[in-house]
Protein backbone atom coordinates (compact mmCIF):
# COMPACT_ATOMS: atom_id res chain seq x y z
CA UNK A 1 70.08 108.73 75.56
CA UNK A 2 67.23 110.94 76.67
CA UNK A 3 65.83 113.58 74.33
CA UNK A 4 66.74 116.38 76.77
CA UNK A 5 70.40 115.34 76.87
CA UNK A 6 70.44 115.00 73.09
CA UNK A 7 68.98 118.51 72.67
CA UNK A 8 71.45 119.96 75.19
CA UNK A 9 74.38 118.42 73.30
CA UNK A 10 72.93 119.73 70.03
CA UNK A 11 72.60 123.26 71.44
CA UNK A 12 76.19 123.24 72.72
CA UNK A 13 77.45 121.89 69.40
CA UNK A 14 75.60 124.56 67.40
CA UNK A 15 76.91 127.24 69.78
CA UNK A 16 80.51 126.07 69.38
CA UNK A 17 80.23 125.89 65.60
CA UNK A 18 78.77 129.40 65.52
CA UNK A 19 81.55 130.64 67.80
CA UNK A 20 84.20 129.11 65.54
CA UNK A 21 82.64 130.62 62.42
CA UNK A 22 82.53 134.05 64.05
CA UNK A 23 86.13 133.79 65.26
CA UNK A 24 87.58 132.79 61.92
CA UNK A 25 85.37 135.25 60.01
CA UNK A 26 86.99 137.97 62.11
CA UNK A 27 90.41 136.47 61.32
CA UNK A 28 89.58 136.53 57.60
CA UNK A 29 88.34 140.10 57.82
CA UNK A 30 91.55 141.19 59.55
CA UNK A 31 93.72 139.43 56.94
CA UNK A 32 91.78 141.01 54.05
CA UNK A 33 91.91 144.46 55.67
CA UNK A 34 95.67 144.01 56.15
CA UNK A 35 96.09 143.06 52.49
CA UNK A 36 94.08 146.09 51.33
CA UNK A 37 96.14 148.37 53.59
CA UNK A 38 99.44 146.81 52.48
CA UNK A 39 100.42 145.41 55.87
CA UNK A 40 100.89 141.93 57.32
CA UNK A 41 97.89 141.47 59.60
CA UNK A 42 97.64 138.84 62.34
CA UNK A 43 100.74 136.62 62.13
CA UNK A 44 102.09 136.22 65.67
CA UNK A 45 99.93 133.38 67.05
CA UNK A 46 100.57 130.09 65.31
CA UNK A 47 101.44 129.44 61.68
CA UNK A 48 100.12 132.27 59.47
CA UNK A 49 98.29 133.65 62.52
CA UNK A 50 95.71 130.84 62.49
CA UNK A 51 95.62 130.74 66.29
CA UNK A 52 94.92 134.47 66.57
CA UNK A 53 91.17 134.02 67.32
CA UNK A 54 92.06 131.69 70.20
CA UNK A 55 94.64 134.20 71.50
CA UNK A 56 92.00 136.95 71.27
CA UNK A 57 89.54 134.84 73.28
CA UNK A 58 92.09 134.06 75.99
CA UNK A 59 93.02 137.74 76.18
CA UNK A 60 89.36 138.72 76.54
CA UNK A 61 88.80 136.32 79.45
CA UNK A 62 92.00 137.31 81.25
CA UNK A 63 91.53 141.07 81.05
CA UNK A 64 91.06 142.81 84.35
CA UNK A 65 87.69 144.46 84.90
CA UNK A 66 88.19 148.11 85.83
CA UNK A 67 85.20 149.75 87.48
CA UNK A 68 85.54 153.53 87.82
CA UNK A 69 85.36 154.70 91.44
CA UNK A 70 82.81 157.43 90.69
CA UNK A 71 80.39 155.08 88.92
CA UNK A 72 77.49 153.12 90.30
CA UNK A 73 78.90 149.58 90.40
CA UNK A 74 75.49 147.92 90.02
CA UNK A 75 74.65 149.91 86.88
CA UNK A 76 78.16 149.47 85.48
CA UNK A 77 77.73 145.69 85.58
CA UNK A 78 73.96 145.48 84.98
CA UNK A 79 73.94 147.68 81.86
CA UNK A 80 75.96 145.41 79.55
CA UNK A 81 74.44 142.35 81.22
CA UNK A 82 70.93 143.46 80.26
CA UNK A 83 71.98 143.97 76.65
CA UNK A 84 73.55 140.50 76.56
CA UNK A 85 70.44 139.02 78.12
CA UNK A 86 68.20 140.47 75.43
CA UNK A 87 70.58 139.33 72.68
CA UNK A 88 70.79 135.79 74.09
CA UNK A 89 67.01 135.57 74.55
CA UNK A 90 66.64 135.39 70.78
CA UNK A 91 67.78 131.77 71.00
CA UNK A 92 64.75 131.07 73.20
CA UNK A 93 62.43 131.39 70.21
CA UNK A 94 64.08 128.55 68.29
CA UNK A 95 61.39 125.87 68.26
CA UNK A 96 62.55 122.52 69.63
CA UNK A 97 60.10 119.70 69.88
CA UNK A 98 57.96 117.17 68.12
CA UNK A 99 56.30 118.02 64.79
CA UNK A 100 52.99 119.87 64.98
CA UNK A 101 50.00 119.21 62.76
CA UNK A 102 47.60 122.00 61.79
CA UNK A 103 44.90 121.51 59.19
CA UNK A 104 46.45 118.30 57.87
CA UNK A 105 49.89 119.92 57.37
CA UNK A 106 52.78 118.70 59.48
CA UNK A 107 55.29 121.36 60.62
CA UNK A 108 58.68 120.11 61.78
CA UNK A 109 60.07 122.11 64.70
CA UNK A 110 63.70 121.18 64.12
């Protein structure tokens, strides 16, 4: 297996793990907030609401995009896209590669 394919699989795997952690952290936060407010919390999707993060993700992707008629369509789409671009560019600074040696000290880039 080539190193590029291995790194691509590793990036996708790390992304999916991070996505799962974020989804179920939100689930935990909602359950704790429900307990503190003396209500049930997410319980409709799956046993004990464990599928609620998946239901939230499906709902997000199936929502209809509503663009106001009096807005500039390019800016309405480009604005959030530019913020997402800058947020996702932070992953570009993660060093991937062979170890580097400076002054007799080896620095691993993984």
